[in-house]
């Protein structure tokens, strides 16, 4: 058959490209690699603004936005004027349905579980800011839901798949500094008020542009207070706070136990992600903490948390130390004598030498470290990894299953901080075996009609 006859025949119609819905091609949740992944952002006024811009830069199509504060979200609304707007995340999920493939969650910690579970229930790909949840019970339910649904997930902890993480793994695997039995991690957080002894007594009118009730979500209902009164007895840190004198919103929720997870919850996931992967860490056998005075309603101004890890997969038992509130390792190895440590970092103490972040600082080992080849594939971009996973490619480095380990790490540390006693945790039984007060905090009540429900 010549070309002219072919075009006149019905064979041409059969051979022509046919547009088939994605669910027909690959089952529910299937996305062709060439397709745009449509994204809905929930909690978009804070860190959500730059992170949604990053999502768009790597190839997500932002089509819907949701926030409880119109003013705080304005810069993101202006950045994505084509996106449909919502106040309540439940409405976004209900109305958008098949128009949104993926959900980004950038809300305060106490609403992460509600939103991620709702998005997973709707069979969406989900990315959540760290830490994944505020309580251990929430983390368990979210991870179980993600496994059941099977969509692509990601948490925004600093990736172990980037240059720094891969180099640390290569150097430790090569044994350059020997067996690591001691790790020190530290952060300059908090950059918000902590150490509060009471809730504010002054109340303020709720702006028409802000839904305070929806912002509180499952937390116990409290009157709205915009800023601390001048006569309030608030820790001195308020003057240096990135959130100014705001009490809860838009940034200072982190210091309250009802809404945030403190300095450890905010930065611990970033700093521990690489050593957890490089040293095959999972659950500690014991967690101990010391801190400035801690109260039930707020995290302390500064803390030191010690984690004991057992021997595992050919690696020796080790201790990991966490410092925040301006504290640093009290004794430095001779290689760092007289040096000023960076505001945040990781220090690995090995049987042969020392490494600061991804740099071996023992002079006699520097050449040996430089000779270690780069064998691991650098991925590294949090949102590019997630996009690849959404399209059916390799799963993201910090998917919900992996993120559960580093989330539980910070939450166990907080249990030790809040109770002032050692914590021994049984992950299978979901129980603290030696500290009833800490065990009681694993599961915390939901208020205002909200329920924590499995998918």
Protein backbone atom coordinates (compact mmCIF):
# COMPACT_ATOMS: atom_id res chain seq x y z
CA UNK A 1 0.00 0.00 0.00
CA UNK A 2 1.44 3.38 -1.01
CA UNK A 3 1.30 6.44 1.25
CA UNK A 4 -1.72 8.04 -0.52
CA UNK A 5 -3.76 4.86 -0.29
CA UNK A 6 -2.73 4.43 3.32
CA UNK A 7 -3.99 7.91 4.27
CA UNK A 8 -7.31 7.31 2.56
CA UNK A 9 -7.84 4.01 4.31
CA UNK A 10 -9.14 3.45 7.80
CA UNK A 11 -5.74 2.09 8.77
CA UNK A 12 -4.56 5.69 9.22
CA UNK A 13 -7.20 6.25 11.85
CA UNK A 14 -6.11 3.16 13.74
CA UNK A 15 -2.45 4.19 13.54
CA UNK A 16 -3.11 7.77 14.69
CA UNK A 17 -2.11 8.70 18.27
CA UNK A 18 -4.89 8.20 20.76
CA UNK A 19 -5.11 10.22 23.98
CA UNK A 20 -5.94 7.84 26.79
CA UNK A 21 -6.68 8.86 30.37
CA UNK A 22 -3.81 8.09 32.75
CA UNK A 23 -5.90 5.73 34.87
CA UNK A 24 -6.54 3.52 31.84
CA UNK A 25 -2.84 3.31 30.99
CA UNK A 26 -1.45 2.39 34.33
CA UNK A 27 -4.11 2.02 36.98
CA UNK A 28 -5.12 4.45 39.69
CA UNK A 29 -2.39 6.93 40.54
CA UNK A 30 -0.42 6.29 37.33
CA UNK A 31 1.37 9.27 35.81
CA UNK A 32 3.10 9.18 32.46
CA UNK A 33 6.72 10.41 32.74
CA UNK A 34 6.11 13.20 30.24
CA UNK A 35 3.04 14.61 31.99
CA UNK A 36 2.98 17.71 34.15
CA UNK A 37 2.32 16.95 37.79
CA UNK A 38 -0.31 19.34 39.09
CA UNK A 39 0.32 20.56 42.62
CA UNK A 40 -1.82 21.95 45.40
CA UNK A 41 -0.08 23.87 48.19
CA UNK A 42 -1.47 23.91 51.74
CA UNK A 43 0.18 26.25 54.24
CA UNK A 44 1.84 28.61 51.80
CA UNK A 45 2.69 31.83 53.66
CA UNK A 46 5.85 30.83 55.54
CA UNK A 47 8.39 28.32 54.28
CA UNK A 48 5.73 27.29 51.79
CA UNK A 49 6.45 30.38 49.69
CA UNK A 50 10.07 29.59 48.70
CA UNK A 51 9.44 25.86 48.62
CA UNK A 52 6.49 26.15 46.25
CA UNK A 53 8.63 28.35 44.03
CA UNK A 54 11.22 25.57 44.04
CA UNK A 55 8.54 23.04 43.14
CA UNK A 56 7.52 25.16 40.17
CA UNK A 57 11.15 25.58 39.11
CA UNK A 58 11.74 21.83 38.88
CA UNK A 59 8.56 21.25 36.88
CA UNK A 60 5.46 20.99 39.09
CA UNK A 61 2.43 22.93 37.87
CA UNK A 62 0.97 24.84 40.84
CA UNK A 63 -2.80 24.91 40.28
CA UNK A 64 -4.32 25.33 43.75
CA UNK A 65 -3.34 27.12 46.96
CA UNK A 66 -4.73 27.01 50.48
CA UNK A 67 -4.00 29.04 53.60
CA UNK A 68 -5.88 30.18 56.70
CA UNK A 69 -4.30 33.67 56.53
CA UNK A 70 -4.94 35.70 53.39
CA UNK A 71 -2.41 38.39 54.29
CA UNK A 72 0.39 35.99 55.13
CA UNK A 73 -0.29 34.04 51.95
CA UNK A 74 -0.54 37.07 49.67
CA UNK A 75 3.01 36.87 48.32
CA UNK A 76 2.39 33.26 47.25
CA UNK A 77 -1.02 34.08 45.76
CA UNK A 78 0.68 36.86 43.78
CA UNK A 79 3.44 34.52 42.65
CA UNK A 80 0.90 32.00 41.31
CA UNK A 81 -2.07 34.14 40.19
CA UNK A 82 -3.48 31.31 38.05
CA UNK A 83 -3.88 29.00 41.07
CA UNK A 84 -7.34 28.49 42.56
CA UNK A 85 -7.59 29.62 46.20
CA UNK A 86 -8.99 27.93 49.28
CA UNK A 87 -9.15 28.58 53.02
CA UNK A 88 -9.85 25.00 54.20
CA UNK A 89 -7.65 22.11 53.03
CA UNK A 90 -10.65 19.79 53.08
CA UNK A 91 -12.40 21.95 50.50
CA UNK A 92 -9.32 21.97 48.27
CA UNK A 93 -9.16 18.17 48.29
CA UNK A 94 -12.90 17.85 47.73
CA UNK A 95 -13.21 20.38 44.90
CA UNK A 96 -9.94 19.71 43.10
CA UNK A 97 -10.23 15.92 43.07
CA UNK A 98 -8.58 14.75 39.82
CA UNK A 99 -7.31 18.22 38.93
CA UNK A 100 -4.52 17.92 41.53
CA UNK A 101 -1.99 15.09 41.44
CA UNK A 102 0.14 16.10 44.41
CA UNK A 103 -0.14 17.99 47.69
CA UNK A 104 2.50 20.07 49.45
CA UNK A 105 1.98 20.61 53.19
CA UNK A 106 3.79 23.57 54.79
CA UNK A 107 1.59 24.16 57.85
CA UNK A 108 2.63 24.20 61.55
CA UNK A 109 3.60 20.83 63.00
CA UNK A 110 0.33 20.14 64.82
CA UNK A 111 -1.67 19.90 61.57
CA UNK A 112 0.79 17.83 59.49
CA UNK A 113 -0.86 14.50 60.29
CA UNK A 114 -4.40 15.70 59.51
CA UNK A 115 -3.41 17.11 56.13
CA UNK A 116 -1.07 14.33 55.01
CA UNK A 117 -3.58 11.65 55.98
CA UNK A 118 -6.37 13.47 54.13
CA UNK A 119 -4.17 13.84 51.04
CA UNK A 120 -3.16 10.17 51.15
CA UNK A 121 -6.80 9.18 51.61
CA UNK A 122 -7.44 11.07 48.36
CA UNK A 123 -4.56 9.09 46.76
CA UNK A 124 -2.33 12.11 46.18
CA UNK A 125 1.44 12.27 46.12
CA UNK A 126 2.46 14.16 49.27
CA UNK A 127 5.40 16.29 50.37
CA UNK A 128 5.44 17.53 53.97
CA UNK A 129 7.80 19.92 55.69
CA UNK A 130 9.84 18.45 58.52
CA UNK A 131 9.22 17.00 61.01
CA UNK A 132 6.64 14.69 59.50
CA UNK A 133 4.40 14.79 62.59
CA UNK A 134 4.16 16.21 66.12
CA UNK A 135 3.59 12.91 67.94
CA UNK A 136 4.82 9.34 67.64
CA UNK A 137 1.29 8.00 67.17
CA UNK A 138 0.71 10.38 64.27
CA UNK A 139 3.96 9.30 62.63
CA UNK A 140 3.03 5.63 62.79
CA UNK A 141 -0.40 6.24 61.23
CA UNK A 142 0.97 8.46 58.46
CA UNK A 143 3.66 5.96 57.47
CA UNK A 144 1.18 3.07 57.48
CA UNK A 145 -1.14 5.12 55.26
CA UNK A 146 1.65 5.97 52.82
CA UNK A 147 2.57 2.29 52.49
CA UNK A 148 -1.05 1.36 51.92
CA UNK A 149 -1.76 4.02 49.30
CA UNK A 150 1.57 3.74 47.48
CA UNK A 151 1.84 7.28 46.14
CA UNK A 152 5.14 9.20 46.09
CA UNK A 153 6.05 10.92 49.36
CA UNK A 154 8.82 13.22 50.55
CA UNK A 155 9.84 15.19 53.66
CA UNK A 156 11.93 18.35 53.39
CA UNK A 157 14.86 17.34 55.59
CA UNK A 158 18.30 18.22 54.20
CA UNK A 159 18.92 15.34 51.79
CA UNK A 160 21.43 12.56 52.35
CA UNK A 161 21.43 12.14 48.57
CA UNK A 162 23.29 15.42 47.90
CA UNK A 163 27.00 16.14 47.74
CA UNK A 164 27.53 16.42 51.50
CA UNK A 165 25.56 13.31 52.37
CA UNK A 166 27.14 11.17 49.68
CA UNK A 167 30.64 12.32 50.60
CA UNK A 168 30.10 11.52 54.28
CA UNK A 169 28.91 8.03 53.34
CA UNK A 170 31.86 7.45 51.02
CA UNK A 171 34.43 8.55 53.59
CA UNK A 172 32.90 6.54 56.42
CA UNK A 173 32.45 3.45 54.25
CA UNK A 174 36.12 3.72 53.25
CA UNK A 175 37.04 3.75 56.94
CA UNK A 176 39.07 6.94 56.67
CA UNK A 177 38.43 7.99 60.28
CA UNK A 178 37.95 4.45 61.59
CA UNK A 179 35.03 3.24 63.70
CA UNK A 180 32.64 6.02 64.71
CA UNK A 181 31.46 5.71 68.28
CA UNK A 182 30.56 9.35 68.90
CA UNK A 183 28.60 11.93 66.87
CA UNK A 184 27.88 15.53 67.90
CA UNK A 185 25.16 17.61 66.21
CA UNK A 186 24.30 21.21 67.08
CA UNK A 187 22.08 24.07 65.93
CA UNK A 188 21.74 27.76 66.72
CA UNK A 189 17.97 27.39 67.13
CA UNK A 190 15.66 28.54 68.59
CA UNK A 191 15.06 31.71 66.62
CA UNK A 192 11.67 32.06 68.30
CA UNK A 193 10.46 32.31 71.93
CA UNK A 194 10.83 29.20 74.10
CA UNK A 195 10.81 28.67 77.84
CA UNK A 196 7.40 30.27 78.38
CA UNK A 197 5.85 29.57 81.77
CA UNK A 198 2.25 30.50 80.90
CA UNK A 199 -0.01 31.40 78.02
CA UNK A 200 -0.67 35.11 77.46
CA UNK A 201 -3.55 36.66 79.37
CA UNK A 202 -4.27 39.44 76.86
CA UNK A 203 -6.53 38.73 73.86
CA UNK A 204 -6.82 40.46 70.51
CA UNK A 205 -9.52 40.72 67.84
CA UNK A 206 -9.20 38.03 65.17
CA UNK A 207 -8.54 39.63 61.76
CA UNK A 208 -11.20 38.99 59.14
CA UNK A 209 -8.46 37.67 56.87
CA UNK A 210 -7.42 34.96 59.36
CA UNK A 211 -9.23 31.79 60.45
CA UNK A 212 -7.91 31.26 63.99
CA UNK A 213 -10.17 28.29 64.67
CA UNK A 214 -8.96 26.44 61.59
CA UNK A 215 -5.34 27.34 62.40
CA UNK A 216 -5.73 25.72 65.85
CA UNK A 217 -7.05 22.55 64.27
CA UNK A 218 -6.85 19.63 66.72
CA UNK A 219 -5.09 21.63 69.46
CA UNK A 220 -6.99 22.65 72.56
CA UNK A 221 -8.94 25.83 71.82
CA UNK A 222 -7.47 29.05 73.19
CA UNK A 223 -8.25 32.76 72.80
CA UNK A 224 -6.42 34.54 70.00
CA UNK A 225 -3.49 36.75 70.94
CA UNK A 226 -1.60 38.51 68.20
CA UNK A 227 1.41 39.79 70.19
CA UNK A 228 2.76 39.60 73.69
CA UNK A 229 1.79 42.56 75.86
CA UNK A 230 4.75 44.78 76.74
CA UNK A 231 4.49 43.85 80.42
CA UNK A 232 4.46 40.11 79.69
CA UNK A 233 7.16 37.99 81.29
CA UNK A 234 8.49 36.44 78.10
CA UNK A 235 12.03 35.09 77.67
CA UNK A 236 14.54 37.60 76.33
CA UNK A 237 14.74 35.66 73.09
CA UNK A 238 11.59 37.39 71.86
CA UNK A 239 13.58 40.46 70.88
CA UNK A 240 15.73 38.32 68.56
CA UNK A 241 12.89 36.18 67.27
CA UNK A 242 12.40 35.86 63.56
CA UNK A 243 8.67 36.11 64.33
CA UNK A 244 8.99 39.28 66.38
CA UNK A 245 6.61 39.54 69.33
CA UNK A 246 3.97 37.29 67.75
CA UNK A 247 2.61 34.74 70.22
CA UNK A 248 1.63 31.88 67.90
CA UNK A 249 1.21 32.92 64.29
CA UNK A 250 2.79 33.29 61.81
CA UNK A 251 6.14 31.87 62.97
CA UNK A 252 6.36 31.49 66.74
CA UNK A 253 4.25 28.34 67.06
CA UNK A 254 7.44 26.28 67.21
CA UNK A 255 8.18 26.91 70.87
CA UNK A 256 4.78 25.73 72.14
CA UNK A 257 4.34 22.01 72.81
CA UNK A 258 0.74 22.17 71.58
CA UNK A 259 1.73 23.39 68.11
CA UNK A 260 5.41 22.75 67.46
CA UNK A 261 8.33 20.48 68.23
CA UNK A 262 10.90 23.00 69.42
CA UNK A 263 14.48 23.43 68.27
CA UNK A 264 15.09 19.69 68.06
CA UNK A 265 11.99 19.15 65.95
CA UNK A 266 12.80 22.04 63.65
CA UNK A 267 16.47 21.36 62.94
CA UNK A 268 17.11 17.82 64.19
CA UNK A 269 15.68 16.25 61.04
CA UNK A 270 18.09 18.32 58.94
CA UNK A 271 21.23 17.49 60.87
CA UNK A 272 20.55 13.84 61.69
CA UNK A 273 19.43 12.72 58.23
CA UNK A 274 22.96 12.18 56.92
CA UNK A 275 24.49 10.40 59.96
CA UNK A 276 21.37 8.25 60.26
CA UNK A 277 21.89 7.02 56.72
CA UNK A 278 25.67 6.87 56.77
CA UNK A 279 25.87 4.97 60.08
CA UNK A 280 22.74 2.84 59.61
CA UNK A 281 21.09 4.23 62.73
CA UNK A 282 17.52 3.37 63.58
CA UNK A 283 16.07 3.35 67.12
CA UNK A 284 18.15 4.26 70.18
CA UNK A 285 18.11 2.01 73.22
CA UNK A 286 18.01 5.00 75.55
CA UNK A 287 17.53 8.76 75.26
CA UNK A 288 18.54 11.20 78.02
CA UNK A 289 18.25 14.97 78.16
CA UNK A 290 19.32 17.93 80.23
CA UNK A 291 18.03 21.43 79.62
CA UNK A 292 17.22 24.82 81.01
CA UNK A 293 14.00 24.70 83.00
CA UNK A 294 11.26 22.99 81.00
CA UNK A 295 7.52 23.52 81.39
CA UNK A 296 4.69 21.42 80.03
CA UNK A 297 3.46 24.13 77.68
CA UNK A 298 6.76 25.15 76.05
CA UNK A 299 10.14 23.78 75.10
CA UNK A 300 13.21 25.00 77.03
CA UNK A 301 15.60 27.70 75.85
CA UNK A 302 18.47 25.24 75.47
CA UNK A 303 18.99 21.50 75.72
CA UNK A 304 21.47 18.66 75.33
CA UNK A 305 20.09 15.26 74.35
CA UNK A 306 22.12 12.03 74.40
CA UNK A 307 21.10 9.01 72.33
CA UNK A 308 22.56 5.52 72.87
CA UNK A 309 22.54 3.33 69.76
CA UNK A 310 23.32 -0.40 69.75
CA UNK A 311 25.79 -2.18 67.51
CA UNK A 312 24.32 -2.81 64.06
CA UNK A 313 25.36 -4.43 60.76
CA UNK A 314 29.04 -4.64 61.61
CA UNK A 315 29.15 -1.16 63.16
CA UNK A 316 29.92 -0.58 66.85
CA UNK A 317 27.56 0.85 69.44
CA UNK A 318 27.71 4.64 69.49
CA UNK A 319 26.40 7.75 71.20
CA UNK A 320 24.89 10.75 69.45
CA UNK A 321 24.73 14.13 71.21
CA UNK A 322 22.35 16.92 70.22
CA UNK A 323 22.83 20.57 71.34
CA UNK A 324 20.64 23.62 70.78
CA UNK A 325 20.04 27.08 72.24
CA UNK A 326 23.60 28.18 71.55
CA UNK A 327 25.22 25.18 73.23
CA UNK A 328 28.09 23.33 71.56
CA UNK A 329 30.13 20.20 72.27
CA UNK A 330 31.90 20.99 75.59
CA UNK A 331 35.17 19.29 74.65
CA UNK A 332 36.63 19.41 71.16
CA UNK A 333 39.21 17.00 69.71
CA UNK A 334 42.75 18.33 69.38
CA UNK A 335 42.26 18.79 65.63
CA UNK A 336 39.77 21.58 66.33
CA UNK A 337 41.52 23.10 69.34
CA UNK A 338 41.14 26.87 69.25
CA UNK A 339 38.76 26.86 66.28
CA UNK A 340 35.30 28.40 66.30
CA UNK A 341 32.61 25.94 65.31
CA UNK A 342 29.97 26.97 62.76
CA UNK A 343 26.46 27.84 64.00
CA UNK A 344 25.31 24.35 63.12
CA UNK A 345 27.07 21.16 62.14
CA UNK A 346 28.00 17.53 62.57
CA UNK A 347 31.16 16.22 64.21
CA UNK A 348 32.15 12.56 63.77
CA UNK A 349 34.71 11.14 66.22
CA UNK A 350 36.36 8.03 64.81
CA UNK A 351 38.96 5.62 66.18
CA UNK A 352 41.53 7.01 63.71
CA UNK A 353 40.47 10.60 63.20
CA UNK A 354 37.82 13.31 63.11
CA UNK A 355 35.43 14.65 60.48
CA UNK A 356 33.54 17.97 60.62
CA UNK A 357 30.52 17.77 58.34
CA UNK A 358 32.05 16.20 55.19
CA UNK A 359 35.65 17.34 55.78
CA UNK A 360 38.26 15.14 57.44
CA UNK A 361 40.18 17.48 59.77
CA UNK A 362 42.84 15.08 61.07
CA UNK A 363 45.95 16.32 59.18
CA UNK A 364 47.46 12.88 58.64
CA UNK A 365 44.27 11.65 56.99
CA UNK A 366 43.49 14.55 54.63
CA UNK A 367 45.31 13.02 51.64
CA UNK A 368 43.73 9.63 52.25
CA UNK A 369 40.30 11.26 52.30
CA UNK A 370 40.97 13.11 49.05
CA UNK A 371 41.88 9.82 47.38
CA UNK A 372 38.52 8.19 48.19
CA UNK A 373 36.59 8.07 44.88
CA UNK A 374 33.11 9.50 44.44
CA UNK A 375 31.04 6.41 43.76
CA UNK A 376 27.54 7.44 44.85
CA UNK A 377 25.06 9.16 42.56
CA UNK A 378 24.34 12.70 43.72
CA UNK A 379 20.63 13.50 43.53
CA UNK A 380 20.16 16.04 46.21
CA UNK A 381 17.34 18.38 45.14
CA UNK A 382 14.42 17.67 47.47
CA UNK A 383 11.66 18.62 45.06
CA UNK A 384 13.29 17.18 41.94
CA UNK A 385 13.53 13.86 43.77
CA UNK A 386 9.86 14.08 44.66
CA UNK A 387 8.87 14.99 41.09
CA UNK A 388 10.82 12.01 39.74
CA UNK A 389 9.03 9.75 42.22
CA UNK A 390 5.65 11.24 41.29
CA UNK A 391 6.35 10.29 37.68
CA UNK A 392 7.04 6.70 38.61
CA UNK A 393 10.81 6.94 38.92
CA UNK A 394 13.12 6.27 41.86
CA UNK A 395 11.52 7.02 45.23
CA UNK A 396 12.55 10.17 47.03
CA UNK A 397 15.43 9.89 49.47
CA UNK A 398 13.37 11.11 52.41
CA UNK A 399 10.07 9.39 51.66
CA UNK A 400 7.69 8.96 54.60
CA UNK A 401 9.04 5.54 55.54
CA UNK A 402 12.61 6.80 55.86
CA UNK A 403 11.46 10.09 57.39
CA UNK A 404 9.73 8.16 60.17
CA UNK A 405 13.14 7.26 61.65
CA UNK A 406 14.40 10.83 61.85
CA UNK A 407 10.97 12.05 62.97
CA UNK A 408 10.91 9.53 65.80
CA UNK A 409 14.47 10.59 66.65
CA UNK A 410 13.42 14.17 67.38
CA UNK A 411 10.15 13.19 69.06
CA UNK A 412 11.90 10.76 71.43
CA UNK A 413 14.36 13.50 72.30
CA UNK A 414 11.47 15.81 73.10
CA UNK A 415 9.94 13.19 75.40
CA UNK A 416 13.20 13.09 77.36
CA UNK A 417 13.35 16.90 77.44
CA UNK A 418 9.73 17.32 78.54
CA UNK A 419 9.85 14.68 81.29
CA UNK A 420 13.42 15.18 82.44
CA UNK A 421 13.92 11.42 82.66
CA UNK A 422 15.54 8.76 80.43
CA UNK A 423 13.39 7.25 77.71
CA UNK A 424 13.56 3.64 76.51
CA UNK A 425 11.25 3.14 73.53
CA UNK A 426 9.87 -0.10 72.09
CA UNK A 427 8.91 0.79 68.48
CA UNK A 428 7.02 -2.45 67.88
CA UNK A 429 4.80 -2.00 70.91
CA UNK A 430 4.77 1.81 70.52
CA UNK A 431 5.54 2.15 74.20
CA UNK A 432 8.04 3.88 76.45
CA UNK A 433 8.95 1.10 78.84
CA UNK A 434 10.66 3.04 81.64
CA UNK A 435 8.96 6.43 81.84
CA UNK A 436 5.14 6.56 82.28
CA UNK A 437 5.02 10.33 81.80
CA UNK A 438 6.78 10.03 78.44
CA UNK A 439 4.62 7.08 77.43
CA UNK A 440 1.52 9.21 78.02
CA UNK A 441 2.78 11.76 75.49
CA UNK A 442 3.04 9.24 72.64
CA UNK A 443 -0.70 9.61 72.02
CA UNK A 444 -2.25 13.00 72.61
CA UNK A 445 -5.92 14.04 72.42
CA UNK A 446 -7.48 15.78 69.43
CA UNK A 447 -9.91 18.63 70.10
CA UNK A 448 -12.51 20.77 68.32
CA UNK A 449 -14.17 17.83 66.59
CA UNK A 450 -11.01 16.65 64.80
CA UNK A 451 -10.12 12.96 64.85
CA UNK A 452 -6.93 11.11 64.07
CA UNK A 453 -8.02 8.26 61.82
CA UNK A 454 -6.09 5.63 59.89
CA UNK A 455 -6.45 5.44 56.12
